[in-house]
C-alpha atoms as a PDB file:
ATOM      1  CA  UNK A   1       8.844   3.610 -27.533  1.00  0.00           C
ATOM      2  CA  UNK A   2      10.192   0.913 -25.240  1.00  0.00           C
ATOM      3  CA  UNK A   3       8.510  -2.486 -25.635  1.00  0.00           C
ATOM      4  CA  UNK A   4       6.629  -3.547 -22.536  1.00  0.00           C
ATOM      5  CA  UNK A   5       7.840  -6.715 -20.874  1.00  0.00           C
ATOM      6  CA  UNK A   6       5.736  -9.791 -21.526  1.00  0.00           C
ATOM      7  CA  UNK A   7       6.498 -10.988 -17.995  1.00  0.00           C
ATOM      8  CA  UNK A   8       5.305  -8.222 -15.679  1.00  0.00           C
ATOM      9  CA  UNK A   9       5.490  -9.047 -11.984  1.00  0.00           C
ATOM     10  CA  UNK A  10       4.040  -6.799  -9.290  1.00  0.00           C
ATOM     11  CA  UNK A  11       4.684  -7.244  -5.577  1.00  0.00           C
ATOM     12  CA  UNK A  12       2.138  -5.700  -3.205  1.00  0.00           C
ATOM     13  CA  UNK A  13       4.010  -5.353   0.074  1.00  0.00           C
ATOM     14  CA  UNK A  14       2.495  -4.185   3.333  1.00  0.00           C
ATOM     15  CA  UNK A  15      -0.002  -4.931   6.065  1.00  0.00           C
ATOM     16  CA  UNK A  16      -3.555  -6.217   6.520  1.00  0.00           C
ATOM     17  CA  UNK A  17      -5.019  -3.601   4.167  1.00  0.00           C
ATOM     18  CA  UNK A  18      -2.797  -4.990   1.420  1.00  0.00           C
ATOM     19  CA  UNK A  19      -3.943  -8.492   2.376  1.00  0.00           C
ATOM     20  CA  UNK A  20      -7.567  -7.334   2.065  1.00  0.00           C
ATOM     21  CA  UNK A  21      -8.646  -8.371   5.560  1.00  0.00           C
ATOM     22  CA  UNK A  22     -12.411  -8.051   5.901  1.00  0.00           C
ATOM     23  CA  UNK A  23     -13.265  -8.274   2.186  1.00  0.00           C
ATOM     24  CA  UNK A  24     -15.747 -11.119   1.750  1.00  0.00           C
ATOM     25  CA  UNK A  25     -14.873 -11.308  -1.969  1.00  0.00           C
ATOM     26  CA  UNK A  26     -11.173 -11.855  -1.126  1.00  0.00           C
ATOM     27  CA  UNK A  27     -10.203  -9.258  -3.752  1.00  0.00           C
ATOM     28  CA  UNK A  28      -9.241  -6.272  -1.633  1.00  0.00           C
ATOM     29  CA  UNK A  29      -7.919  -3.301  -3.595  1.00  0.00           C
ATOM     30  CA  UNK A  30      -4.904  -5.207  -4.912  1.00  0.00           C
ATOM     31  CA  UNK A  31      -6.952  -7.942  -6.591  1.00  0.00           C
ATOM     32  CA  UNK A  32      -9.137  -5.336  -8.228  1.00  0.00           C
ATOM     33  CA  UNK A  33      -6.087  -3.537  -9.613  1.00  0.00           C
ATOM     34  CA  UNK A  34      -4.679  -6.745 -11.079  1.00  0.00           C
ATOM     35  CA  UNK A  35      -8.038  -7.526 -12.687  1.00  0.00           C
ATOM     36  CA  UNK A  36      -8.155  -4.022 -14.168  1.00  0.00           C
ATOM     37  CA  UNK A  37      -4.674  -4.429 -15.621  1.00  0.00           C
ATOM     38  CA  UNK A  38      -5.595  -7.775 -17.196  1.00  0.00           C
ATOM     39  CA  UNK A  39      -8.796  -6.372 -18.675  1.00  0.00           C
ATOM     40  CA  UNK A  40      -6.778  -3.511 -20.180  1.00  0.00           C
ATOM     41  CA  UNK A  41      -4.535  -5.980 -21.972  1.00  0.00           C
ATOM     42  CA  UNK A  42      -1.576  -5.894 -19.636  1.00  0.00           C
ATOM     43  CA  UNK A  43      -1.813  -8.975 -17.427  1.00  0.00           C
ATOM     44  CA  UNK A  44       0.628  -9.266 -14.549  1.00  0.00           C
ATOM     45  CA  UNK A  45       1.721 -11.891 -12.077  1.00  0.00           C
ATOM     46  CA  UNK A  46       0.705 -10.382  -8.759  1.00  0.00           C
ATOM     47  CA  UNK A  47       2.176 -11.294  -5.389  1.00  0.00           C
ATOM     48  CA  UNK A  48       0.142 -10.250  -2.355  1.00  0.00           C
ATOM     49  CA  UNK A  49       2.731  -9.877   0.394  1.00  0.00           C
ATOM     50  CA  UNK A  50       0.518  -8.225   2.975  1.00  0.00           C
ATOM     51  CA  UNK A  51       0.935  -9.490   6.540  1.00  0.00           C
ATOM     52  CA  UNK A  52      -1.518  -8.537   9.258  1.00  0.00           C
ATOM     53  CA  UNK A  53      -0.100  -6.324  12.040  1.00  0.00           C
ATOM     54  CA  UNK A  54       3.130  -5.670  10.111  1.00  0.00           C
ATOM     55  CA  UNK A  55       4.775  -2.332  10.779  1.00  0.00           C
ATOM     56  CA  UNK A  56       7.252  -0.601   8.490  1.00  0.00           C
ATOM     57  CA  UNK A  57      10.016  -2.122  10.632  1.00  0.00           C
ATOM     58  CA  UNK A  58       8.668  -5.628   9.974  1.00  0.00           C
ATOM     59  CA  UNK A  59       8.384  -4.902   6.258  1.00  0.00           C
ATOM     60  CA  UNK A  60      11.877  -3.438   6.069  1.00  0.00           C
ATOM     61  CA  UNK A  61      13.277  -6.607   7.667  1.00  0.00           C
ATOM     62  CA  UNK A  62      11.736  -8.938   5.082  1.00  0.00           C
ATOM     63  CA  UNK A  63      11.663  -6.731   2.010  1.00  0.00           C
ATOM     64  CA  UNK A  64      14.933  -7.564   0.268  1.00  0.00           C
ATOM     65  CA  UNK A  65      14.347 -11.291   0.539  1.00  0.00           C
ATOM     66  CA  UNK A  66      10.772 -10.921  -0.712  1.00  0.00           C
ATOM     67  CA  UNK A  67      11.957  -8.927  -3.723  1.00  0.00           C
ATOM     68  CA  UNK A  68      14.882 -11.092  -4.719  1.00  0.00           C
ATOM     69  CA  UNK A  69      12.797 -14.272  -4.641  1.00  0.00           C
ATOM     70  CA  UNK A  70      10.523 -12.679  -7.261  1.00  0.00           C
ATOM     71  CA  UNK A  71      13.068 -10.908  -9.471  1.00  0.00           C
ATOM     72  CA  UNK A  72      14.293 -13.488 -12.007  1.00  0.00           C
ATOM     73  CA  UNK A  73      16.139 -12.332 -15.091  1.00  0.00           C
ATOM     74  CA  UNK A  74      14.196 -11.118 -18.141  1.00  0.00           C
ATOM     75  CA  UNK A  75      11.201  -9.951 -16.146  1.00  0.00           C
ATOM     76  CA  UNK A  76       9.792  -6.536 -15.322  1.00  0.00           C
ATOM     77  CA  UNK A  77       9.343  -6.128 -11.577  1.00  0.00           C
ATOM     78  CA  UNK A  78       7.276  -3.360 -10.005  1.00  0.00           C
ATOM     79  CA  UNK A  79       6.577  -2.748  -6.332  1.00  0.00           C
ATOM     80  CA  UNK A  80       3.497  -1.403  -4.573  1.00  0.00           C
ATOM     81  CA  UNK A  81       4.020  -0.442  -0.930  1.00  0.00           C
ATOM     82  CA  UNK A  82       1.342   0.385   1.615  1.00  0.00           C
ATOM     83  CA  UNK A  83       1.847   0.585   5.372  1.00  0.00           C
ATOM     84  CA  UNK A  84       1.703   2.954   8.329  1.00  0.00           C
ATOM     85  CA  UNK A  85      -1.502   2.233  10.258  1.00  0.00           C
ATOM     86  CA  UNK A  86       0.255  -0.288  12.524  1.00  0.00           C
ATOM     87  CA  UNK A  87       3.212   2.062  13.024  1.00  0.00           C
ATOM     88  CA  UNK A  88       0.801   4.637  14.444  1.00  0.00           C
ATOM     89  CA  UNK A  89      -0.987   2.245  16.806  1.00  0.00           C
ATOM     90  CA  UNK A  90      -0.768   3.470  20.393  1.00  0.00           C
ATOM     91  CA  UNK A  91       1.146   1.586  23.088  1.00  0.00           C
ATOM     92  CA  UNK A  92       2.005   2.538  26.660  1.00  0.00           C
ATOM     93  CA  UNK A  93       5.301   3.958  25.388  1.00  0.00           C
ATOM     94  CA  UNK A  94       3.893   5.823  22.380  1.00  0.00           C
ATOM     95  CA  UNK A  95       3.266   4.593  18.844  1.00  0.00           C
ATOM     96  CA  UNK A  96       4.459   1.095  17.944  1.00  0.00           C
ATOM     97  CA  UNK A  97       7.043   2.684  15.662  1.00  0.00           C
ATOM     98  CA  UNK A  98       8.332   6.229  16.295  1.00  0.00           C
ATOM     99  CA  UNK A  99       7.641   8.540  13.377  1.00  0.00           C
ATOM    100  CA  UNK A 100      11.351   9.128  12.751  1.00  0.00           C
ATOM    101  CA  UNK A 101      11.905   5.378  12.468  1.00  0.00           C
ATOM    102  CA  UNK A 102       8.932   5.025  10.122  1.00  0.00           C
ATOM    103  CA  UNK A 103      10.501   7.624   7.839  1.00  0.00           C
ATOM    104  CA  UNK A 104      13.856   5.831   7.923  1.00  0.00           C
ATOM    105  CA  UNK A 105      12.138   2.552   7.148  1.00  0.00           C
ATOM    106  CA  UNK A 106      10.395   3.989   4.094  1.00  0.00           C
ATOM    107  CA  UNK A 107      13.646   5.441   2.780  1.00  0.00           C
ATOM    108  CA  UNK A 108      15.333   2.064   3.184  1.00  0.00           C
ATOM    109  CA  UNK A 109      12.437   0.332   1.419  1.00  0.00           C
ATOM    110  CA  UNK A 110      12.771   2.717  -1.522  1.00  0.00           C
ATOM    111  CA  UNK A 111      16.516   2.024  -1.616  1.00  0.00           C
ATOM    112  CA  UNK A 112      15.795  -1.723  -1.602  1.00  0.00           C
ATOM    113  CA  UNK A 113      13.646  -1.320  -4.704  1.00  0.00           C
ATOM    114  CA  UNK A 114      16.948  -0.937  -6.593  1.00  0.00           C
ATOM    115  CA  UNK A 115      15.463   0.788  -9.593  1.00  0.00           C
ATOM    116  CA  UNK A 116      12.151  -1.062  -9.751  1.00  0.00           C
ATOM    117  CA  UNK A 117       9.248   1.390 -10.204  1.00  0.00           C
ATOM    118  CA  UNK A 118       7.435   1.990  -6.903  1.00  0.00           C
ATOM    119  CA  UNK A 119       3.860   3.031  -6.195  1.00  0.00           C
ATOM    120  CA  UNK A 120       3.132   3.934  -2.562  1.00  0.00           C
ATOM    121  CA  UNK A 121      -0.473   3.852  -1.363  1.00  0.00           C
ATOM    122  CA  UNK A 122      -0.747   5.860   1.819  1.00  0.00           C
ATOM    123  CA  UNK A 123      -2.280   4.484   5.037  1.00  0.00           C
ATOM    124  CA  UNK A 124      -6.087   4.668   5.318  1.00  0.00           C
ATOM    125  CA  UNK A 125      -8.074   6.003   8.289  1.00  0.00           C
ATOM    126  CA  UNK A 126      -9.560   3.845  11.043  1.00  0.00           C
ATOM    127  CA  UNK A 127     -12.402   4.336  13.541  1.00  0.00           C
ATOM    128  CA  UNK A 128     -10.299   6.126  16.168  1.00  0.00           C
ATOM    129  CA  UNK A 129      -9.699   9.846  15.916  1.00  0.00           C
ATOM    130  CA  UNK A 130      -6.477   9.927  17.970  1.00  0.00           C
ATOM    131  CA  UNK A 131      -5.066   7.075  15.918  1.00  0.00           C
ATOM    132  CA  UNK A 132      -6.116   8.933  12.767  1.00  0.00           C
ATOM    133  CA  UNK A 133      -4.205  12.016  13.825  1.00  0.00           C
ATOM    134  CA  UNK A 134      -1.023   9.958  14.024  1.00  0.00           C
ATOM    135  CA  UNK A 135      -1.803   8.223  10.717  1.00  0.00           C
ATOM    136  CA  UNK A 136      -2.295  11.589   9.011  1.00  0.00           C
ATOM    137  CA  UNK A 137       1.094  12.843  10.193  1.00  0.00           C
ATOM    138  CA  UNK A 138       2.749   9.697   8.824  1.00  0.00           C
ATOM    139  CA  UNK A 139       0.785  10.007   5.606  1.00  0.00           C
ATOM    140  CA  UNK A 140       2.158  13.513   5.101  1.00  0.00           C
ATOM    141  CA  UNK A 141       5.711  12.441   5.965  1.00  0.00           C
ATOM    142  CA  UNK A 142       5.525   9.523   3.542  1.00  0.00           C
ATOM    143  CA  UNK A 143       4.175  11.755   0.775  1.00  0.00           C
ATOM    144  CA  UNK A 144       7.065  14.189   1.217  1.00  0.00           C
ATOM    145  CA  UNK A 145       9.620  11.379   1.045  1.00  0.00           C
ATOM    146  CA  UNK A 146       8.009   9.874  -2.049  1.00  0.00           C
ATOM    147  CA  UNK A 147       7.853  13.258  -3.772  1.00  0.00           C
ATOM    148  CA  UNK A 148      11.544  13.811  -3.090  1.00  0.00           C
ATOM    149  CA  UNK A 149      12.384  10.354  -4.476  1.00  0.00           C
ATOM    150  CA  UNK A 150      10.198  10.594  -7.598  1.00  0.00           C
ATOM    151  CA  UNK A 151       7.992   7.790  -6.294  1.00  0.00           C
ATOM    152  CA  UNK A 152       4.282   7.826  -7.118  1.00  0.00           C
ATOM    153  CA  UNK A 153       2.293   8.454  -3.913  1.00  0.00           C
ATOM    154  CA  UNK A 154      -1.468   8.077  -3.513  1.00  0.00           C
ATOM    155  CA  UNK A 155      -3.105   9.882  -0.599  1.00  0.00           C
ATOM    156  CA  UNK A 156      -6.171   7.797   0.233  1.00  0.00           C
ATOM    157  CA  UNK A 157      -6.491   9.030   3.808  1.00  0.00           C
ATOM    158  CA  UNK A 158      -7.988  12.419   2.967  1.00  0.00           C
ATOM    159  CA  UNK A 159     -10.814  11.058   0.824  1.00  0.00           C
ATOM    160  CA  UNK A 160     -11.568   7.945   2.885  1.00  0.00           C
ATOM    161  CA  UNK A 161     -11.772   9.906   6.121  1.00  0.00           C
ATOM    162  CA  UNK A 162     -14.913  11.535   4.691  1.00  0.00           C
ATOM    163  CA  UNK A 163     -16.155   8.568   2.655  1.00  0.00           C
ATOM    164  CA  UNK A 164     -19.528   7.398   3.962  1.00  0.00           C
ATOM    165  CA  UNK A 165     -19.178   3.754   2.926  1.00  0.00           C
ATOM    166  CA  UNK A 166     -15.617   3.406   4.219  1.00  0.00           C
ATOM    167  CA  UNK A 167     -16.423   5.033   7.543  1.00  0.00           C
ATOM    168  CA  UNK A 168     -19.561   2.958   8.071  1.00  0.00           C
ATOM    169  CA  UNK A 169     -18.000  -0.384   7.186  1.00  0.00           C
ATOM    170  CA  UNK A 170     -14.932   0.253   9.337  1.00  0.00           C
ATOM    171  CA  UNK A 171     -17.095   1.358  12.252  1.00  0.00           C
ATOM    172  CA  UNK A 172     -19.424  -1.626  11.950  1.00  0.00           C
ATOM    173  CA  UNK A 173     -16.520  -4.056  11.506  1.00  0.00           C
ATOM    174  CA  UNK A 174     -13.421  -4.377  13.649  1.00  0.00           C
ATOM    175  CA  UNK A 175     -12.723  -0.652  13.747  1.00  0.00           C
ATOM    176  CA  UNK A 176     -10.018  -0.791  11.087  1.00  0.00           C
ATOM    177  CA  UNK A 177     -10.979  -2.937   8.098  1.00  0.00           C
ATOM    178  CA  UNK A 178     -13.934  -2.448   5.751  1.00  0.00           C
ATOM    179  CA  UNK A 179     -15.823  -5.021   3.720  1.00  0.00           C
ATOM    180  CA  UNK A 180     -15.915  -5.313  -0.059  1.00  0.00           C
ATOM    181  CA  UNK A 181     -17.553  -1.949  -0.770  1.00  0.00           C
ATOM    182  CA  UNK A 182     -14.954  -0.157   1.314  1.00  0.00           C
ATOM    183  CA  UNK A 183     -12.108  -1.817  -0.546  1.00  0.00           C
ATOM    184  CA  UNK A 184     -13.821  -0.933  -3.817  1.00  0.00           C
ATOM    185  CA  UNK A 185     -13.749   2.711  -2.724  1.00  0.00           C
ATOM    186  CA  UNK A 186     -10.035   2.457  -1.946  1.00  0.00           C
ATOM    187  CA  UNK A 187      -9.451   0.800  -5.330  1.00  0.00           C
ATOM    188  CA  UNK A 188     -11.223   3.656  -7.105  1.00  0.00           C
ATOM    189  CA  UNK A 189      -8.960   6.186  -5.398  1.00  0.00           C
ATOM    190  CA  UNK A 190      -5.811   4.325  -6.407  1.00  0.00           C
ATOM    191  CA  UNK A 191      -6.899   3.585  -9.991  1.00  0.00           C
ATOM    192  CA  UNK A 192      -5.896   6.872 -11.703  1.00  0.00           C
ATOM    193  CA  UNK A 193      -2.378   6.753 -10.238  1.00  0.00           C
ATOM    194  CA  UNK A 194      -2.129   3.018 -11.000  1.00  0.00           C
ATOM    195  CA  UNK A 195      -3.019   3.562 -14.663  1.00  0.00           C
ATOM    196  CA  UNK A 196      -0.431   6.313 -15.041  1.00  0.00           C
ATOM    197  CA  UNK A 197       2.211   4.357 -13.143  1.00  0.00           C
ATOM    198  CA  UNK A 198       1.834   1.318 -15.396  1.00  0.00           C
ATOM    199  CA  UNK A 199       2.337   3.522 -18.440  1.00  0.00           C
ATOM    200  CA  UNK A 200       5.633   4.925 -17.107  1.00  0.00           C
END
């Protein structure tokens, strides 16, 4: 059995949901995952690289630099991606990022990982049904790409769309971001895949 690195570094790269916007505890789902890993005896240096309003195009543009700054020798680097909601935001000319471009951006991001294990957490739903229809299509596209590339994909959209706490907190907030209990629900959905991914 391969010895686990004593210097595990995990980059969480994405948008405002990665940043945990709206969570009064400032943990979001990423902080909860890092705490779980530490409690299980595998502490990691976590980098929250979520930027509010970032699309997949924005993330693609900064990704390689973000990775290389955090990939010193003799470390184990893993990457967690999550984006798509901003891509699907409506503008006068259609979504902010055309679906075909979003797919190309994800493929390039997976290429940029350069062998580092990747976990992709799909985009969550918001309080806008038309926006959600576009998010769902992207979610399905992203899942297909990840499956073809042997990248762990977590579909959180399907469960959160029907999750009472998530829906209520998003509705009562800014229409997109929940509070702490909503992020806890997202964390719980990601946890089984996270545990398996860390064991790979």
